[in-house]
C-alpha atoms as a PDB file:
ATOM      1  CA  MET A   1       0.000   0.000   0.000  1.00  0.00           C
ATOM      2  CA  LYS A   2       1.245   3.435  -0.893  1.00  0.00           C
ATOM      3  CA  PRO A   3       1.958   5.910   1.934  1.00  0.00           C
ATOM      4  CA  GLU A   4      -0.600   8.357   0.543  1.00  0.00           C
ATOM      5  CA  SER A   5      -3.450   5.767   0.509  1.00  0.00           C
ATOM      6  CA  LYS A   6      -2.521   4.667   4.023  1.00  0.00           C
ATOM      7  CA  ASP A   7      -2.684   8.208   5.301  1.00  0.00           C
ATOM      8  CA  LYS A   8      -6.092   8.657   3.676  1.00  0.00           C
ATOM      9  CA  THR A   9      -7.390   5.450   5.346  1.00  0.00           C
ATOM     10  CA  ASP A  10      -6.174   6.568   8.778  1.00  0.00           C
ATOM     11  CA  LEU A  11      -7.708   9.968   8.242  1.00  0.00           C
ATOM     12  CA  TYR A  12     -11.035   8.394   7.250  1.00  0.00           C
ATOM     13  CA  ASN A  13     -11.059   6.083  10.313  1.00  0.00           C
ATOM     14  CA  SER A  14     -10.294   8.947  12.670  1.00  0.00           C
ATOM     15  CA  SER A  15     -13.020  10.995  11.031  1.00  0.00           C
ATOM     16  CA  VAL A  16     -15.576   8.184  11.557  1.00  0.00           C
ATOM     17  CA  LEU A  17     -14.584   7.847  15.224  1.00  0.00           C
ATOM     18  CA  GLU A  18     -14.867  11.575  15.757  1.00  0.00           C
ATOM     19  CA  ARG A  19     -18.324  11.641  14.167  1.00  0.00           C
ATOM     20  CA  PHE A  20     -19.491   8.719  16.312  1.00  0.00           C
ATOM     21  CA  SER A  21     -18.071  10.344  19.448  1.00  0.00           C
ATOM     22  CA  ASN A  22     -19.743  13.639  18.615  1.00  0.00           C
ATOM     23  CA  PHE A  23     -23.046  11.836  18.000  1.00  0.00           C
ATOM     24  CA  LEU A  24     -22.849  10.162  21.435  1.00  0.00           C
ATOM     25  CA  ASP A  25     -21.984  13.459  23.092  1.00  0.00           C
ATOM     26  CA  SER A  26     -24.935  15.205  21.493  1.00  0.00           C
ATOM     27  CA  HIS A  27     -27.354  12.360  22.306  1.00  0.00           C
ATOM     28  CA  ILE A  28     -26.264  11.349  25.808  1.00  0.00           C
ATOM     29  CA  PHE A  29     -29.796  10.843  27.142  1.00  0.00           C
ATOM     30  CA  ALA A  30     -30.863   8.658  24.208  1.00  0.00           C
ATOM     31  CA  THR A  31     -27.642   6.644  24.488  1.00  0.00           C
ATOM     32  CA  ARG A  32     -28.260   5.990  28.154  1.00  0.00           C
ATOM     33  CA  LEU A  33     -31.814   4.894  27.428  1.00  0.00           C
ATOM     34  CA  VAL A  34     -30.598   2.428  24.806  1.00  0.00           C
ATOM     35  CA  ILE A  35     -27.990   0.977  27.180  1.00  0.00           C
ATOM     36  CA  ILE A  36     -30.526   0.686  30.018  1.00  0.00           C
ATOM     37  CA  GLY A  37     -33.034  -0.933  27.656  1.00  0.00           C
ATOM     38  CA  ILE A  38     -30.522  -3.512  26.440  1.00  0.00           C
ATOM     39  CA  PHE A  39     -29.434  -4.258  30.022  1.00  0.00           C
ATOM     40  CA  GLY A  40     -33.013  -4.532  31.280  1.00  0.00           C
ATOM     41  CA  GLY A  41     -34.056  -6.742  28.377  1.00  0.00           C
ATOM     42  CA  GLY A  42     -31.113  -9.028  29.022  1.00  0.00           C
ATOM     43  CA  ILE A  43     -32.072  -9.337  32.703  1.00  0.00           C
ATOM     44  CA  ILE A  44     -35.670 -10.180  31.792  1.00  0.00           C
ATOM     45  CA  ILE A  45     -34.583 -12.828  29.286  1.00  0.00           C
ATOM     46  CA  ILE A  46     -32.135 -14.390  31.763  1.00  0.00           C
ATOM     47  CA  GLY A  47     -34.707 -14.201  34.552  1.00  0.00           C
ATOM     48  CA  ARG A  48     -37.318 -16.014  32.528  1.00  0.00           C
ATOM     49  CA  SER A  49     -34.835 -18.658  31.414  1.00  0.00           C
ATOM     50  CA  ILE A  50     -33.923 -19.580  35.017  1.00  0.00           C
ATOM     51  CA  ARG A  51     -37.545 -19.284  36.205  1.00  0.00           C
ATOM     52  CA  ILE A  52     -36.847 -16.669  38.911  1.00  0.00           C
ATOM     53  CA  GLY A  53     -40.488 -15.601  38.891  1.00  0.00           C
ATOM     54  CA  THR A  54     -42.137 -18.971  38.273  1.00  0.00           C
ATOM     55  CA  ARG A  55     -44.194 -20.411  41.118  1.00  0.00           C
ATOM     56  CA  PHE A  56     -44.031 -24.199  40.945  1.00  0.00           C
ATOM     57  CA  SER A  57     -47.217 -25.974  41.990  1.00  0.00           C
ATOM     58  CA  LYS A  58     -47.010 -29.238  40.038  1.00  0.00           C
ATOM     59  CA  VAL A  59     -44.277 -31.835  39.851  1.00  0.00           C
ATOM     60  CA  ASP A  60     -44.006 -31.758  36.074  1.00  0.00           C
ATOM     61  CA  HIS A  61     -43.549 -27.965  36.137  1.00  0.00           C
ATOM     62  CA  VAL A  62     -40.199 -28.267  37.923  1.00  0.00           C
ATOM     63  CA  PRO A  63     -37.375 -28.447  35.346  1.00  0.00           C
ATOM     64  CA  LYS A  64     -35.343 -31.647  35.269  1.00  0.00           C
ATOM     65  CA  GLU A  65     -32.171 -29.582  35.499  1.00  0.00           C
ATOM     66  CA  PHE A  66     -33.305 -28.186  38.858  1.00  0.00           C
ATOM     67  CA  ILE A  67     -33.745 -31.706  40.242  1.00  0.00           C
ATOM     68  CA  SER A  68     -30.515 -33.124  38.816  1.00  0.00           C
ATOM     69  CA  ARG A  69     -28.585 -30.167  40.266  1.00  0.00           C
ATOM     70  CA  HIS A  70     -30.442 -30.401  43.623  1.00  0.00           C
ATOM     71  CA  ILE A  71     -31.526 -26.763  43.600  1.00  0.00           C
ATOM     72  CA  TYR A  72     -32.867 -25.202  46.813  1.00  0.00           C
ATOM     73  CA  LEU A  73     -36.351 -23.676  46.731  1.00  0.00           C
ATOM     74  CA  ARG A  74     -38.203 -21.698  49.389  1.00  0.00           C
ATOM     75  CA  GLY A  75     -41.808 -22.006  50.469  1.00  0.00           C
ATOM     76  CA  LEU A  76     -44.481 -22.149  53.173  1.00  0.00           C
ATOM     77  CA  ILE A  77     -45.851 -25.436  54.491  1.00  0.00           C
ATOM     78  CA  LYS A  78     -49.622 -25.169  54.167  1.00  0.00           C
ATOM     79  CA  GLY A  79     -50.630 -28.709  55.124  1.00  0.00           C
ATOM     80  CA  VAL A  80     -49.561 -32.270  55.912  1.00  0.00           C
ATOM     81  CA  ASP A  81     -51.257 -35.331  54.438  1.00  0.00           C
ATOM     82  CA  ILE A  82     -51.843 -37.806  57.283  1.00  0.00           C
ATOM     83  CA  SER A  83     -52.059 -40.771  54.904  1.00  0.00           C
ATOM     84  CA  ASP A  84     -48.582 -40.519  53.359  1.00  0.00           C
ATOM     85  CA  SER A  85     -46.943 -37.609  55.267  1.00  0.00           C
ATOM     86  CA  THR A  86     -46.808 -35.443  52.130  1.00  0.00           C
ATOM     87  CA  LEU A  87     -46.014 -31.786  52.753  1.00  0.00           C
ATOM     88  CA  HIS A  88     -48.106 -29.354  50.716  1.00  0.00           C
ATOM     89  CA  ILE A  89     -45.852 -26.359  50.125  1.00  0.00           C
ATOM     90  CA  SER A  90     -46.641 -22.977  48.631  1.00  0.00           C
ATOM     91  CA  HIS A  91     -43.522 -22.250  46.624  1.00  0.00           C
ATOM     92  CA  ILE A  92     -42.119 -18.725  46.935  1.00  0.00           C
ATOM     93  CA  PRO A  93     -40.287 -17.663  43.751  1.00  0.00           C
ATOM     94  CA  ILE A  94     -36.981 -15.825  43.867  1.00  0.00           C
ATOM     95  CA  THR A  95     -38.499 -12.519  42.749  1.00  0.00           C
ATOM     96  CA  ARG A  96     -42.002 -11.130  43.014  1.00  0.00           C
ATOM     97  CA  PHE A  97     -41.806  -8.567  40.223  1.00  0.00           C
ATOM     98  CA  ILE A  98     -45.050  -8.431  38.258  1.00  0.00           C
ATOM     99  CA  TRP A  99     -43.467  -9.191  34.867  1.00  0.00           C
ATOM    100  CA  PHE A 100     -41.835 -12.349  36.262  1.00  0.00           C
ATOM    101  CA  GLN A 101     -44.776 -13.742  38.227  1.00  0.00           C
ATOM    102  CA  THR A 102     -47.087 -16.578  37.211  1.00  0.00           C
ATOM    103  CA  LYS A 103     -50.428 -16.752  39.013  1.00  0.00           C
ATOM    104  CA  ASN A 104     -51.201 -20.141  40.541  1.00  0.00           C
ATOM    105  CA  ASP A 105     -52.740 -21.059  43.882  1.00  0.00           C
ATOM    106  CA  ASP A 106     -51.974 -24.803  43.799  1.00  0.00           C
ATOM    107  CA  LEU A 107     -49.541 -26.353  46.279  1.00  0.00           C
ATOM    108  CA  LEU A 108     -46.462 -28.393  45.459  1.00  0.00           C
ATOM    109  CA  PRO A 109     -46.589 -31.961  46.912  1.00  0.00           C
ATOM    110  CA  VAL A 110     -43.281 -32.699  48.647  1.00  0.00           C
ATOM    111  CA  SER A 111     -42.266 -35.966  50.319  1.00  0.00           C
ATOM    112  CA  LEU A 112     -39.325 -36.300  52.696  1.00  0.00           C
ATOM    113  CA  PHE A 113     -36.355 -37.877  50.943  1.00  0.00           C
ATOM    114  CA  GLY A 114     -34.795 -41.046  52.350  1.00  0.00           C
ATOM    115  CA  ILE A 115     -37.116 -41.573  55.328  1.00  0.00           C
ATOM    116  CA  VAL A 116     -40.379 -43.307  56.252  1.00  0.00           C
ATOM    117  CA  PRO A 117     -42.276 -41.195  58.847  1.00  0.00           C
ATOM    118  CA  MET A 118     -44.296 -43.020  61.485  1.00  0.00           C
ATOM    119  CA  GLN A 119     -47.669 -41.766  62.722  1.00  0.00           C
ATOM    120  CA  SER A 120     -45.897 -39.966  65.565  1.00  0.00           C
ATOM    121  CA  GLY A 121     -43.736 -38.250  62.954  1.00  0.00           C
ATOM    122  CA  VAL A 122     -46.795 -37.119  60.990  1.00  0.00           C
ATOM    123  CA  ASP A 123     -48.278 -35.708  64.207  1.00  0.00           C
ATOM    124  CA  TRP A 124     -45.033 -33.817  64.852  1.00  0.00           C
ATOM    125  CA  LEU A 125     -45.087 -32.361  61.347  1.00  0.00           C
ATOM    126  CA  LYS A 126     -48.664 -31.165  61.766  1.00  0.00           C
ATOM    127  CA  SER A 127     -47.922 -29.596  65.154  1.00  0.00           C
ATOM    128  CA  ASN A 128     -44.602 -27.923  64.337  1.00  0.00           C
ATOM    129  CA  CYS A 129     -44.385 -27.216  60.608  1.00  0.00           C
ATOM    130  CA  ILE A 130     -47.686 -25.917  59.260  1.00  0.00           C
ATOM    131  CA  GLY A 131     -47.383 -22.229  58.478  1.00  0.00           C
ATOM    132  CA  ARG A 132     -43.574 -22.271  58.758  1.00  0.00           C
ATOM    133  CA  GLU A 133     -41.201 -21.103  56.044  1.00  0.00           C
ATOM    134  CA  VAL A 134     -38.764 -23.757  54.856  1.00  0.00           C
ATOM    135  CA  TRP A 135     -36.053 -24.380  52.295  1.00  0.00           C
ATOM    136  CA  PHE A 136     -36.407 -27.640  50.396  1.00  0.00           C
ATOM    137  CA  GLN A 137     -33.641 -29.189  48.312  1.00  0.00           C
ATOM    138  CA  LEU A 138     -34.888 -31.039  45.249  1.00  0.00           C
ATOM    139  CA  MET A 139     -33.651 -34.653  45.156  1.00  0.00           C
ATOM    140  CA  ALA A 140     -35.878 -36.732  42.836  1.00  0.00           C
ATOM    141  CA  ARG A 141     -39.310 -37.119  41.326  1.00  0.00           C
ATOM    142  CA  LYS A 142     -41.408 -39.730  43.083  1.00  0.00           C
ATOM    143  CA  GLN A 143     -43.870 -41.563  40.825  1.00  0.00           C
ATOM    144  CA  GLN A 144     -44.571 -38.293  38.957  1.00  0.00           C
ATOM    145  CA  SER A 145     -46.862 -37.218  41.797  1.00  0.00           C
ATOM    146  CA  HIS A 146     -44.422 -36.018  44.457  1.00  0.00           C
ATOM    147  CA  ILE A 147     -40.955 -34.544  44.676  1.00  0.00           C
ATOM    148  CA  ASP A 148     -38.534 -36.069  47.180  1.00  0.00           C
ATOM    149  CA  CYS A 149     -36.794 -33.288  49.076  1.00  0.00           C
ATOM    150  CA  VAL A 150     -34.544 -32.615  52.017  1.00  0.00           C
ATOM    151  CA  VAL A 151     -36.491 -29.996  53.976  1.00  0.00           C
ATOM    152  CA  THR A 152     -34.771 -27.491  56.248  1.00  0.00           C
ATOM    153  CA  LEU A 153     -36.585 -25.510  58.934  1.00  0.00           C
ATOM    154  CA  LYS A 154     -35.125 -22.427  60.583  1.00  0.00           C
ATOM    155  CA  LYS A 155     -34.644 -23.307  64.258  1.00  0.00           C
ATOM    156  CA  ASN A 156     -33.358 -19.920  65.400  1.00  0.00           C
ATOM    157  CA  TRP A 157     -31.451 -17.002  63.918  1.00  0.00           C
ATOM    158  CA  LEU A 158     -28.200 -18.987  64.032  1.00  0.00           C
ATOM    159  CA  ARG A 159     -29.179 -22.578  63.310  1.00  0.00           C
ATOM    160  CA  ASN A 160     -31.283 -24.486  60.813  1.00  0.00           C
ATOM    161  CA  MET A 161     -32.794 -27.929  61.351  1.00  0.00           C
ATOM    162  CA  CYS A 162     -33.073 -30.680  58.760  1.00  0.00           C
ATOM    163  CA  ILE A 163     -36.549 -32.142  59.279  1.00  0.00           C
ATOM    164  CA  ASN A 164     -35.596 -35.462  57.655  1.00  0.00           C
ATOM    165  CA  ALA A 165     -32.703 -36.066  60.067  1.00  0.00           C
ATOM    166  CA  TYR A 166     -34.619 -34.740  63.089  1.00  0.00           C
ATOM    167  CA  LEU A 167     -37.481 -37.206  62.656  1.00  0.00           C
ATOM    168  CA  ILE A 168     -35.049 -40.129  62.440  1.00  0.00           C
ATOM    169  CA  GLU A 169     -32.904 -38.971  65.370  1.00  0.00           C
ATOM    170  CA  ASN A 170     -35.954 -38.798  67.627  1.00  0.00           C
ATOM    171  CA  GLY A 171     -37.446 -42.114  66.581  1.00  0.00           C
ATOM    172  CA  LEU A 172     -40.306 -40.504  64.671  1.00  0.00           C
ATOM    173  CA  ALA A 173     -39.258 -42.035  61.342  1.00  0.00           C
ATOM    174  CA  LYS A 174     -37.126 -44.813  59.883  1.00  0.00           C
ATOM    175  CA  ALA A 175     -34.399 -44.516  57.287  1.00  0.00           C
ATOM    176  CA  GLY A 176     -35.929 -45.642  53.997  1.00  0.00           C
ATOM    177  CA  HIS A 177     -34.577 -47.245  50.849  1.00  0.00           C
ATOM    178  CA  VAL A 178     -34.663 -45.182  47.674  1.00  0.00           C
ATOM    179  CA  ILE A 179     -36.353 -47.303  45.018  1.00  0.00           C
ATOM    180  CA  ASP A 180     -37.709 -44.604  42.689  1.00  0.00           C
ATOM    181  CA  ASP A 181     -35.911 -42.646  39.997  1.00  0.00           C
ATOM    182  CA  ALA A 182     -33.680 -40.864  42.472  1.00  0.00           C
ATOM    183  CA  ILE A 183     -30.301 -39.828  41.188  1.00  0.00           C
ATOM    184  CA  LEU A 184     -27.952 -41.605  43.573  1.00  0.00           C
ATOM    185  CA  ASP A 185     -25.109 -39.176  43.189  1.00  0.00           C
ATOM    186  CA  SER A 186     -22.731 -37.984  45.886  1.00  0.00           C
ATOM    187  CA  THR A 187     -25.334 -35.613  47.377  1.00  0.00           C
ATOM    188  CA  SER A 188     -28.015 -38.312  47.672  1.00  0.00           C
ATOM    189  CA  LEU A 189     -25.598 -40.862  49.114  1.00  0.00           C
ATOM    190  CA  HIS A 190     -24.330 -38.273  51.589  1.00  0.00           C
ATOM    191  CA  TYR A 191     -27.842 -37.703  52.967  1.00  0.00           C
ATOM    192  CA  LEU A 192     -28.659 -41.419  53.083  1.00  0.00           C
ATOM    193  CA  LYS A 193     -25.474 -42.022  55.087  1.00  0.00           C
ATOM    194  CA  ILE A 194     -26.448 -39.278  57.551  1.00  0.00           C
ATOM    195  CA  PHE A 195     -29.952 -40.726  57.959  1.00  0.00           C
ATOM    196  CA  LYS A 196     -28.619 -44.226  58.609  1.00  0.00           C
ATOM    197  CA  LYS A 197     -26.272 -42.938  61.323  1.00  0.00           C
ATOM    198  CA  ALA A 198     -29.154 -40.996  62.882  1.00  0.00           C
ATOM    199  CA  GLU A 199     -31.253 -44.161  62.980  1.00  0.00           C
ATOM    200  CA  ILE A 200     -28.466 -46.066  64.739  1.00  0.00           C
ATOM    201  CA  ILE A 201     -28.252 -43.300  67.364  1.00  0.00           C
ATOM    202  CA  ALA A 202     -32.037 -43.294  67.890  1.00  0.00           C
ATOM    203  CA  CYS A 203     -32.062 -47.076  68.254  1.00  0.00           C
ATOM    204  CA  ARG A 204     -29.144 -47.020  70.694  1.00  0.00           C
ATOM    205  CA  LYS A 205     -30.772 -44.296  72.809  1.00  0.00           C
ATOM    206  CA  GLN A 206     -34.187 -45.990  72.583  1.00  0.00           C
ATOM    207  CA  ARG A 207     -36.050 -42.956  71.280  1.00  0.00           C
ATOM    208  CA  GLY A 208     -39.578 -42.959  69.901  1.00  0.00           C
ATOM    209  CA  ILE A 209     -40.449 -46.152  68.027  1.00  0.00           C
ATOM    210  CA  TRP A 210     -37.181 -47.743  69.119  1.00  0.00           C
ATOM    211  CA  LYS A 211     -38.204 -47.475  72.762  1.00  0.00           C
ATOM    212  CA  TYR A 212     -41.339 -49.482  72.007  1.00  0.00           C
ATOM    213  CA  HIS A 213     -39.261 -51.870  69.936  1.00  0.00           C
ATOM    214  CA  HIS A 214     -36.810 -52.300  72.823  1.00  0.00           C
ATOM    215  CA  ASN A 215     -39.623 -52.900  75.324  1.00  0.00           C
ATOM    216  CA  THR A 216     -41.162 -55.452  72.981  1.00  0.00           C
ATOM    217  CA  LEU A 217     -37.858 -57.285  72.701  1.00  0.00           C
ATOM    218  CA  GLN A 218     -37.483 -57.254  76.478  1.00  0.00           C
ATOM    219  CA  ALA A 219     -41.012 -58.604  76.908  1.00  0.00           C
ATOM    220  CA  ASN A 220     -40.306 -61.346  74.396  1.00  0.00           C
ATOM    221  CA  GLU A 221     -37.065 -62.211  76.171  1.00  0.00           C
ATOM    222  CA  VAL A 222     -38.858 -62.347  79.522  1.00  0.00           C
ATOM    223  CA  GLY A 223     -41.558 -64.562  78.015  1.00  0.00           C
ATOM    224  CA  ILE A 224     -39.006 -66.942  76.519  1.00  0.00           C
ATOM    225  CA  ILE A 225     -37.031 -67.115  79.771  1.00  0.00           C
ATOM    226  CA  SER A 226     -40.189 -67.843  81.769  1.00  0.00           C
ATOM    227  CA  LEU A 227     -41.109 -70.634  79.348  1.00  0.00           C
ATOM    228  CA  VAL A 228     -37.648 -72.126  79.632  1.00  0.00           C
ATOM    229  CA  LYS A 229     -37.770 -71.937  83.413  1.00  0.00           C
ATOM    230  CA  LYS A 230     -41.213 -73.525  83.449  1.00  0.00           C
ATOM    231  CA  PHE A 231     -40.046 -76.322  81.157  1.00  0.00           C
ATOM    232  CA  VAL A 232     -36.904 -76.944  83.245  1.00  0.00           C
ATOM    233  CA  GLY A 233     -38.909 -76.889  86.484  1.00  0.00           C
ATOM    234  CA  HIS A 234     -41.415 -79.302  85.069  1.00  0.00           C
ATOM    235  CA  PHE A 235     -38.619 -81.590  83.880  1.00  0.00           C
ATOM    236  CA  ILE A 236     -36.916 -81.490  87.293  1.00  0.00           C
ATOM    237  CA  SER A 237     -40.145 -82.220  89.147  1.00  0.00           C
ATOM    238  CA  ARG A 238     -40.888 -85.150  86.856  1.00  0.00           C
ATOM    239  CA  GLY A 239     -37.342 -86.394  87.347  1.00  0.00           C
ATOM    240  CA  LYS A 240     -37.672 -86.210  91.130  1.00  0.00           C
ATOM    241  CA  ALA A 241     -40.967 -88.075  91.049  1.00  0.00           C
ATOM    242  CA  ALA A 242     -39.472 -90.781  88.847  1.00  0.00           C
ATOM    243  CA  LEU A 243     -36.482 -91.213  91.161  1.00  0.00           C
ATOM    244  CA  LEU A 244     -38.707 -91.466  94.246  1.00  0.00           C
ATOM    245  CA  SER A 245     -40.913 -94.065  92.621  1.00  0.00           C
ATOM    246  CA  TYR A 246     -37.832 -95.990  91.523  1.00  0.00           C
ATOM    247  CA  PHE A 247     -36.368 -96.132  95.033  1.00  0.00           C
ATOM    248  CA  LYS A 248     -39.708 -97.066  96.554  1.00  0.00           C
ATOM    249  CA  HIS A 249     -40.100 -99.904  94.062  1.00  0.00           C
ATOM    250  CA  LYS A 250     -36.549-101.095  94.788  1.00  0.00           C
ATOM    251  CA  LYS A 251     -37.206-101.259  98.504  1.00  0.00           C
END
């Protein structure tokens, strides 16, 4: 390229930049509006893609990616089903802006992951959890009608309480086997290990159902021992009678 043509190109480029700069300077307000509009539109698109304003009320509405990644959701416990200990939770979306919200009054059916609540556990849930705000970690879909979750209740301003582990530790539930389509990854296995240890502690300390189980075992042991003693006593008495009759006959 000749030096003259190169100088002309540089001069043209600098002229274009100067014109663009002058245009921005003379239209500062419009430029700001365009930037704000692009930024706001991007936020809305991203927000809708990650469902920050969606209120989940049905199992099939929850994205599979949320479950596979074990996302935490927040909600209010509105009721407890006494037949299968299902928690009916009103999901609270991340944001409550009008343009993100979806109107729905249905409740999301949530079952406690990795445990089998007893009737005493259901009673505890009804007495202590209805109306409370909780965080629930998505673990797996359960027969397309429930979502298995690890539910956390705020105990005080410093500590949270895992409801799943609490019920097992106090003998209000048993550690269950996961037989549905749960993703047994490191997170799921970690919780199942915790629940099994909690059950061992509850059994050792004879809490809740394990106290009744221990008393039943003791009663069975006492019954067996009494039967053995009765049998031995009967055998001894028969033996004594036979010996006496033998000696009398010999005399």
